[in-house]
């Protein structure tokens, strides 16, 4: 195969001036800024300004390998990562002996949790609900785990009776169960204690439970009377996303486990650190951005953001009620389910849909003004289609 080095030419010319945003990147920024105004269907907070961290874009931050060992490569932010992990360990009530690391996102967190489960229970069968994130089934496939899909209740929560029935059919083998803490479509929360009760009733003695808390983990952790989902409630591992509730402009996440692998690998001679993560080289900016958010807000700030977002979701329900538009919402959710709007409205506001229902998500940063604009547009289309 012949490679044409003359195309694209712009990448071959040496820079003769101070680098700036070229027109195509300016256009991209303009497109993204415009899209953000009507993007209320996908979970990404927009209320934290990370631009003060801009100077750190001029250096490499590679948190290579294990976060607890600095290693030989000096361009990292592992000290900040360790502080961050300590905070989340307290938030999710980790026991002594816990470990974890900053991941590339929720998918890697799920993969790591299920990998630990398979390592400890190599003959296990994996169970997840029909509403689980698509990355769960993918991780099970990559790990070679037999996979069983469990039915859901009408609100999107796992059906514990069906879990008991299906796990009972495999009672001679260990079970690895993924509990979804904020399902993708309805933000339903699986109860980890009830999962254990279902497995007990099914006669499954050996089990591992991973909580996929990508969306709702942090908001629930700062909520009074929170449901049973974290490491103190019986989860063996838990993962969250950084770019959802924290709105980091770089996709990242955190995974924590009650205890690390039984056999910690020796340090890699080349790096001077054990290889305890899936990704090896890890972007240190993820840890920096999450730590910046926590330094800026503190736990009280996270709680305030959670309550404000829920207030906006409550307001959205009132507007839909006034329109006579069918809707519902899980308790404490940012997500509002609504009967599928006309295509023009659904497309403009980027609302995912399934089985005749759509959703909007009132993440921190979504405003009353946006909800009003959406509801007004929905009302106009409804009036235009009436005979």
Protein backbone atom coordinates (compact mmCIF):
# COMPACT_ATOMS: atom_id res chain seq x y z
CA UNK A 1 0.00 0.00 0.00
CA UNK A 2 1.29 3.46 -0.94
CA UNK A 3 0.82 6.27 1.58
CA UNK A 4 0.21 9.70 0.10
CA UNK A 5 2.18 12.11 2.29
CA UNK A 6 0.83 15.08 0.36
CA UNK A 7 -2.61 14.73 1.88
CA UNK A 8 -3.60 16.41 4.08
CA UNK A 9 -0.88 18.98 3.45
CA UNK A 10 -1.83 21.15 6.43
CA UNK A 11 -0.35 18.57 8.82
CA UNK A 12 3.00 18.54 7.05
CA UNK A 13 3.73 22.26 7.13
CA UNK A 14 5.88 23.53 9.95
CA UNK A 15 4.26 26.11 12.22
CA UNK A 16 5.63 29.59 11.54
CA UNK A 17 3.57 31.44 14.15
CA UNK A 18 2.21 31.03 17.65
CA UNK A 19 -0.38 28.22 17.61
CA UNK A 20 -3.99 29.43 17.77
CA UNK A 21 -7.41 27.95 17.18
CA UNK A 22 -7.64 27.44 13.43
CA UNK A 23 -10.96 28.13 11.66
CA UNK A 24 -12.12 24.51 11.67
CA UNK A 25 -11.63 24.23 15.43
CA UNK A 26 -13.37 27.57 15.92
CA UNK A 27 -16.24 26.14 13.88
CA UNK A 28 -16.28 23.01 16.05
CA UNK A 29 -16.46 25.12 19.21
CA UNK A 30 -19.31 27.15 17.73
CA UNK A 31 -21.20 23.98 16.81
CA UNK A 32 -20.75 22.49 20.29
CA UNK A 33 -21.75 25.72 22.03
CA UNK A 34 -24.92 25.89 19.96
CA UNK A 35 -25.75 22.20 20.52
CA UNK A 36 -25.34 22.52 24.29
CA UNK A 37 -28.28 24.96 24.50
CA UNK A 38 -30.78 22.24 23.57
CA UNK A 39 -28.96 19.14 24.81
CA UNK A 40 -31.12 17.94 27.68
CA UNK A 41 -31.42 14.27 26.77
CA UNK A 42 -27.96 13.07 27.80
CA UNK A 43 -26.34 13.25 31.26
CA UNK A 44 -23.55 15.81 31.34
CA UNK A 45 -23.42 18.61 33.92
CA UNK A 46 -22.49 22.05 32.62
CA UNK A 47 -22.24 24.17 35.76
CA UNK A 48 -18.55 23.72 36.65
CA UNK A 49 -15.93 25.82 34.84
CA UNK A 50 -12.71 23.84 34.36
CA UNK A 51 -10.92 26.47 32.29
CA UNK A 52 -8.68 27.61 35.19
CA UNK A 53 -6.89 24.26 34.73
CA UNK A 54 -5.89 25.30 31.19
CA UNK A 55 -2.14 25.70 31.98
CA UNK A 56 -1.96 21.98 32.80
CA UNK A 57 -2.78 21.21 29.15
CA UNK A 58 0.81 22.19 28.40
CA UNK A 59 2.29 19.17 30.22
CA UNK A 60 1.91 15.41 30.04
CA UNK A 61 0.04 13.86 32.96
CA UNK A 62 0.31 10.09 32.69
CA UNK A 63 -0.76 8.28 35.86
CA UNK A 64 0.99 5.15 34.67
CA UNK A 65 0.06 1.91 36.42
CA UNK A 66 -0.84 1.57 40.08
CA UNK A 67 -1.96 4.85 41.73
CA UNK A 68 -0.33 3.93 45.03
CA UNK A 69 3.18 3.72 43.56
CA UNK A 70 4.71 6.80 41.94
CA UNK A 71 7.09 4.77 39.77
CA UNK A 72 9.92 6.05 37.62
CA UNK A 73 7.93 8.23 35.21
CA UNK A 74 7.73 11.67 36.87
CA UNK A 75 5.02 13.35 34.77
CA UNK A 76 1.96 12.29 36.75
CA UNK A 77 -0.63 13.45 39.27
CA UNK A 78 -0.83 10.33 41.42
CA UNK A 79 -0.69 12.28 44.67
CA UNK A 80 -3.87 14.09 43.67
CA UNK A 81 -5.39 10.81 42.52
CA UNK A 82 -4.73 9.20 45.92
CA UNK A 83 -6.42 12.11 47.71
CA UNK A 84 -9.36 11.80 45.34
CA UNK A 85 -9.69 8.07 45.95
CA UNK A 86 -9.59 8.63 49.71
CA UNK A 87 -12.52 11.02 49.37
CA UNK A 88 -14.63 8.62 47.31
CA UNK A 89 -13.76 5.75 49.65
CA UNK A 90 -15.34 7.74 52.48
CA UNK A 91 -18.29 8.78 50.33
CA UNK A 92 -19.06 5.19 49.33
CA UNK A 93 -18.21 3.80 52.80
CA UNK A 94 -15.37 1.52 51.81
CA UNK A 95 -14.00 -0.88 54.43
CA UNK A 96 -10.36 -1.18 55.44
CA UNK A 97 -8.32 -2.77 52.67
CA UNK A 98 -10.17 -1.01 49.84
CA UNK A 99 -8.44 0.02 46.64
CA UNK A 100 -9.26 1.66 43.32
CA UNK A 101 -8.12 4.02 40.60
CA UNK A 102 -9.26 6.75 38.21
CA UNK A 103 -10.52 5.15 35.02
CA UNK A 104 -11.17 6.26 31.46
CA UNK A 105 -14.91 6.18 32.20
CA UNK A 106 -17.79 4.05 33.42
CA UNK A 107 -17.17 1.32 30.86
CA UNK A 108 -13.68 0.64 32.18
CA UNK A 109 -15.01 0.74 35.75
CA UNK A 110 -17.59 -1.92 34.91
CA UNK A 111 -14.99 -4.00 33.10
CA UNK A 112 -12.62 -3.83 36.07
CA UNK A 113 -15.32 -4.72 38.60
CA UNK A 114 -16.50 -7.71 36.57
CA UNK A 115 -12.88 -8.78 35.98
CA UNK A 116 -12.28 -8.86 39.74
CA UNK A 117 -15.46 -10.88 40.15
CA UNK A 118 -14.37 -13.41 37.54
CA UNK A 119 -10.87 -13.58 39.06
CA UNK A 120 -12.32 -14.54 42.44
CA UNK A 121 -15.13 -16.70 41.05
CA UNK A 122 -13.80 -18.18 37.79
CA UNK A 123 -16.77 -20.54 37.38
CA UNK A 124 -19.37 -17.80 37.85
CA UNK A 125 -22.43 -16.88 35.80
CA UNK A 126 -23.02 -13.15 35.26
CA UNK A 127 -26.44 -11.54 35.76
CA UNK A 128 -27.57 -8.05 34.76
CA UNK A 129 -30.93 -6.43 34.18
CA UNK A 130 -32.43 -5.64 30.80
CA UNK A 131 -31.93 -1.95 31.69
CA UNK A 132 -28.21 -2.28 32.46
CA UNK A 133 -25.73 -0.16 30.51
CA UNK A 134 -24.58 -1.75 27.25
CA UNK A 135 -21.01 -1.86 28.54
CA UNK A 136 -21.96 -4.55 31.07
CA UNK A 137 -22.87 -7.15 28.46
CA UNK A 138 -19.78 -6.15 26.48
CA UNK A 139 -17.51 -6.68 29.49
CA UNK A 140 -19.12 -10.04 30.21
CA UNK A 141 -18.47 -11.08 26.62
CA UNK A 142 -14.84 -9.91 26.71
CA UNK A 143 -14.30 -11.81 29.97
CA UNK A 144 -15.89 -14.99 28.62
CA UNK A 145 -18.60 -14.99 31.30
CA UNK A 146 -21.88 -16.82 30.70
CA UNK A 147 -24.44 -14.01 30.74
CA UNK A 148 -28.07 -13.95 31.88
CA UNK A 149 -30.38 -10.98 31.35
CA UNK A 150 -32.90 -10.41 34.13
CA UNK A 151 -36.27 -8.74 33.60
CA UNK A 152 -37.05 -5.29 34.98
CA UNK A 153 -39.93 -3.82 36.93
CA UNK A 154 -42.05 -1.15 35.19
CA UNK A 155 -39.84 1.66 36.58
CA UNK A 156 -36.66 0.09 35.14
CA UNK A 157 -35.41 -1.46 38.39
CA UNK A 158 -34.21 -5.07 38.33
CA UNK A 159 -36.96 -7.64 38.97
CA UNK A 160 -35.77 -9.36 42.14
CA UNK A 161 -38.21 -12.25 41.76
CA UNK A 162 -36.88 -12.95 38.26
CA UNK A 163 -33.31 -12.69 39.55
CA UNK A 164 -34.13 -15.27 42.23
CA UNK A 165 -35.74 -17.55 39.64
CA UNK A 166 -32.92 -17.30 37.11
CA UNK A 167 -30.12 -17.51 39.67
CA UNK A 168 -31.84 -20.57 41.13
CA UNK A 169 -31.39 -22.34 37.81
CA UNK A 170 -27.62 -21.83 38.23
CA UNK A 171 -27.43 -22.33 41.99
CA UNK A 172 -24.56 -24.79 41.66
CA UNK A 173 -22.34 -22.00 40.32
CA UNK A 174 -21.27 -18.65 41.79
CA UNK A 175 -23.06 -15.49 40.64
CA UNK A 176 -21.67 -12.14 39.54
CA UNK A 177 -24.46 -9.55 39.56
CA UNK A 178 -24.29 -6.00 38.24
CA UNK A 179 -26.56 -3.61 40.09
CA UNK A 180 -27.40 -0.52 38.06
CA UNK A 181 -27.50 2.64 40.17
CA UNK A 182 -29.31 4.97 37.81
CA UNK A 183 -30.39 3.16 34.65
CA UNK A 184 -29.72 4.82 31.32
CA UNK A 185 -33.32 5.50 30.38
CA UNK A 186 -35.32 5.88 33.61
CA UNK A 187 -32.63 6.41 36.29
CA UNK A 188 -33.97 3.45 38.28
CA UNK A 189 -31.82 2.23 41.17
CA UNK A 190 -31.27 -1.46 41.91
CA UNK A 191 -31.21 -2.29 45.63
CA UNK A 192 -28.02 -4.18 46.51
CA UNK A 193 -29.48 -5.63 49.71
CA UNK A 194 -32.48 -7.01 47.86
CA UNK A 195 -30.13 -8.51 45.29
CA UNK A 196 -28.36 -10.38 48.09
CA UNK A 197 -31.73 -11.47 49.49
CA UNK A 198 -32.72 -12.82 46.07
CA UNK A 199 -29.47 -14.75 45.80
CA UNK A 200 -29.93 -16.12 49.32
CA UNK A 201 -33.43 -17.30 48.42
CA UNK A 202 -32.07 -18.87 45.23
CA UNK A 203 -29.52 -20.89 47.21
CA UNK A 204 -26.51 -19.14 45.67
CA UNK A 205 -23.75 -19.19 48.27
CA UNK A 206 -20.85 -17.55 46.44
CA UNK A 207 -21.47 -14.21 44.78
CA UNK A 208 -19.93 -10.90 43.73
CA UNK A 209 -21.95 -7.71 43.27
CA UNK A 210 -20.73 -4.76 41.24
CA UNK A 211 -22.57 -1.43 41.42
CA UNK A 212 -22.58 0.52 38.17
CA UNK A 213 -23.22 3.94 39.70
CA UNK A 214 -22.06 5.97 36.71
CA UNK A 215 -24.88 8.50 36.85
CA UNK A 216 -26.56 8.41 40.25
CA UNK A 217 -23.84 7.23 42.63
CA UNK A 218 -22.59 10.60 43.87
CA UNK A 219 -26.00 12.33 44.03
CA UNK A 220 -27.40 9.42 46.05
CA UNK A 221 -24.37 9.35 48.34
CA UNK A 222 -25.01 12.96 49.41
CA UNK A 223 -28.73 12.34 49.92
CA UNK A 224 -30.37 11.61 53.26
CA UNK A 225 -32.05 8.19 53.47
CA UNK A 226 -30.08 7.00 50.48
CA UNK A 227 -30.89 3.59 49.00
CA UNK A 228 -28.69 0.53 49.46
CA UNK A 229 -26.08 0.64 46.73
CA UNK A 230 -22.54 1.21 48.02
CA UNK A 231 -19.70 -0.81 49.52
CA UNK A 232 -21.23 -0.79 53.01
CA UNK A 233 -24.50 -2.15 51.61
CA UNK A 234 -22.91 -5.26 50.14
CA UNK A 235 -21.41 -4.16 46.82
CA UNK A 236 -17.95 -5.62 46.22
CA UNK A 237 -17.02 -2.86 43.77
CA UNK A 238 -18.52 0.39 42.56
CA UNK A 239 -17.82 2.63 39.58
CA UNK A 240 -18.86 6.16 38.67
CA UNK A 241 -18.42 8.48 35.69
CA UNK A 242 -16.71 11.85 36.03
CA UNK A 243 -18.17 13.46 32.93
CA UNK A 244 -21.80 12.98 34.01
CA UNK A 245 -22.47 14.49 37.44
CA UNK A 246 -19.17 16.41 37.52
CA UNK A 247 -19.33 17.44 33.86
CA UNK A 248 -15.58 17.07 33.30
CA UNK A 249 -14.68 18.02 29.70
CA UNK A 250 -12.52 14.92 29.62
CA UNK A 251 -14.25 11.53 29.85
CA UNK A 252 -13.15 9.78 33.05
CA UNK A 253 -14.40 7.85 36.06
CA UNK A 254 -13.51 6.15 39.33
CA UNK A 255 -13.68 2.52 40.42
CA UNK A 256 -13.38 1.32 44.01
CA UNK A 257 -13.33 -2.20 45.39
CA UNK A 258 -13.65 -3.60 48.88
CA UNK A 259 -10.26 -5.21 48.41
CA UNK A 260 -7.77 -5.45 45.57
CA UNK A 261 -6.65 -8.51 43.64
CA UNK A 262 -5.52 -11.36 45.87
CA UNK A 263 -2.07 -11.31 44.31
CA UNK A 264 -0.67 -7.82 43.69
CA UNK A 265 1.56 -8.02 40.62
CA UNK A 266 5.21 -7.11 40.97
CA UNK A 267 6.36 -3.71 39.78
CA UNK A 268 7.11 -3.53 36.07
CA UNK A 269 10.83 -2.93 35.85
CA UNK A 270 10.45 -0.44 33.02
CA UNK A 271 7.86 1.72 34.85
CA UNK A 272 8.70 1.06 38.50
CA UNK A 273 5.00 0.54 39.33
CA UNK A 274 2.71 -2.51 39.40
CA UNK A 275 0.24 -2.83 36.53
CA UNK A 276 -3.01 -2.94 38.51
CA UNK A 277 -5.36 -1.14 36.10
CA UNK A 278 -6.91 -2.23 32.83
CA UNK A 279 -5.71 0.74 30.82
CA UNK A 280 -2.06 0.95 31.99
CA UNK A 281 -1.32 4.52 30.96
CA UNK A 282 -4.07 6.66 32.47
CA UNK A 283 -4.86 10.31 31.84
CA UNK A 284 -3.87 12.23 34.96
CA UNK A 285 -6.07 15.15 33.91
CA UNK A 286 -9.13 13.12 34.89
CA UNK A 287 -7.96 12.94 38.49
CA UNK A 288 -6.98 16.62 38.43
CA UNK A 289 -10.38 17.74 37.13
CA UNK A 290 -12.34 15.67 39.63
CA UNK A 291 -10.15 16.92 42.47
CA UNK A 292 -10.63 20.50 41.25
CA UNK A 293 -14.40 20.05 41.37
CA UNK A 294 -14.21 18.70 44.91
CA UNK A 295 -11.82 21.47 46.02
CA UNK A 296 -14.21 24.04 44.56
CA UNK A 297 -17.49 22.60 45.84
CA UNK A 298 -16.89 20.28 48.78
CA UNK A 299 -19.52 17.78 49.85
CA UNK A 300 -21.98 20.56 50.72
CA UNK A 301 -21.64 21.92 47.20
CA UNK A 302 -22.32 18.50 45.71
CA UNK A 303 -25.43 18.25 47.87
CA UNK A 304 -26.61 21.72 46.81
CA UNK A 305 -26.15 20.85 43.12
CA UNK A 306 -28.11 17.64 43.63
CA UNK A 307 -31.05 19.42 45.27
CA UNK A 308 -31.11 22.17 42.64
CA UNK A 309 -31.13 19.63 39.80
CA UNK A 310 -33.98 17.72 41.43
CA UNK A 311 -35.89 20.98 41.84
CA UNK A 312 -35.54 21.60 38.09
CA UNK A 313 -36.80 18.06 37.42
CA UNK A 314 -39.79 18.73 39.67
CA UNK A 315 -40.46 21.95 37.76
CA UNK A 316 -40.26 20.06 34.44
CA UNK A 317 -42.92 17.66 35.71
CA UNK A 318 -45.16 20.61 36.63
CA UNK A 319 -44.81 22.09 33.14
CA UNK A 320 -45.63 18.75 31.53
CA UNK A 321 -48.60 18.33 33.87
CA UNK A 322 -49.88 21.76 32.84
CA UNK A 323 -49.63 20.71 29.19
CA UNK A 324 -51.47 17.47 29.90
CA UNK A 325 -48.46 15.55 28.59
CA UNK A 326 -48.03 12.05 30.06
CA UNK A 327 -44.91 11.78 32.20
CA UNK A 328 -43.44 10.12 35.27
CA UNK A 329 -40.25 10.17 37.32
CA UNK A 330 -38.46 7.80 39.68
CA UNK A 331 -38.05 9.15 43.24
CA UNK A 332 -35.12 11.56 43.50
CA UNK A 333 -34.20 11.20 39.82
CA UNK A 334 -32.85 13.94 37.57
CA UNK A 335 -34.54 12.07 34.72
CA UNK A 336 -38.11 12.81 33.65
CA UNK A 337 -39.87 10.29 31.43
CA UNK A 338 -42.42 11.69 28.99
CA UNK A 339 -44.56 10.38 26.18
CA UNK A 340 -42.52 10.64 23.00
CA UNK A 341 -42.76 14.17 21.54
CA UNK A 342 -43.13 14.94 17.83
CA UNK A 343 -40.00 14.21 15.80
CA UNK A 344 -39.10 17.87 15.35
CA UNK A 345 -39.11 18.51 19.10
CA UNK A 346 -37.37 15.26 19.98
CA UNK A 347 -34.63 15.87 17.42
CA UNK A 348 -34.00 19.51 18.37
CA UNK A 349 -33.73 18.69 22.08
CA UNK A 350 -31.81 15.43 21.55
CA UNK A 351 -34.20 13.21 23.49
CA UNK A 352 -33.51 9.45 23.39
CA UNK A 353 -36.66 7.37 22.94
CA UNK A 354 -37.79 3.79 23.35
CA UNK A 355 -41.18 2.07 23.22
CA UNK A 356 -43.06 5.35 22.79
CA UNK A 357 -41.34 7.15 25.67
CA UNK A 358 -38.56 9.74 25.74
CA UNK A 359 -36.66 11.32 28.58
CA UNK A 360 -35.04 14.58 29.52
CA UNK A 361 -32.35 14.79 32.20
CA UNK A 362 -32.09 17.81 34.47
CA UNK A 363 -28.38 17.61 35.16
CA UNK A 364 -26.70 20.40 37.13
CA UNK A 365 -26.56 23.34 34.73
CA UNK A 366 -29.91 22.68 33.07
CA UNK A 367 -31.97 25.79 33.74
CA UNK A 368 -35.60 26.68 34.30
CA UNK A 369 -35.34 28.80 31.15
CA UNK A 370 -34.38 25.74 29.09
CA UNK A 371 -37.28 23.75 30.53
CA UNK A 372 -39.66 26.61 29.75
CA UNK A 373 -38.38 26.86 26.18
CA UNK A 374 -38.76 23.11 25.71
CA UNK A 375 -42.25 23.03 27.22
CA UNK A 376 -43.38 26.03 25.18
CA UNK A 377 -42.14 24.38 21.98
CA UNK A 378 -43.83 21.12 22.92
CA UNK A 379 -47.07 22.98 23.56
CA UNK A 380 -46.87 24.81 20.21
CA UNK A 381 -46.41 21.55 18.30
CA UNK A 382 -49.26 19.97 20.20
CA UNK A 383 -51.59 22.89 19.38
CA UNK A 384 -50.56 22.78 15.71
CA UNK A 385 -51.46 19.09 15.40
CA UNK A 386 -54.89 19.33 17.01
CA UNK A 387 -57.87 19.31 14.56
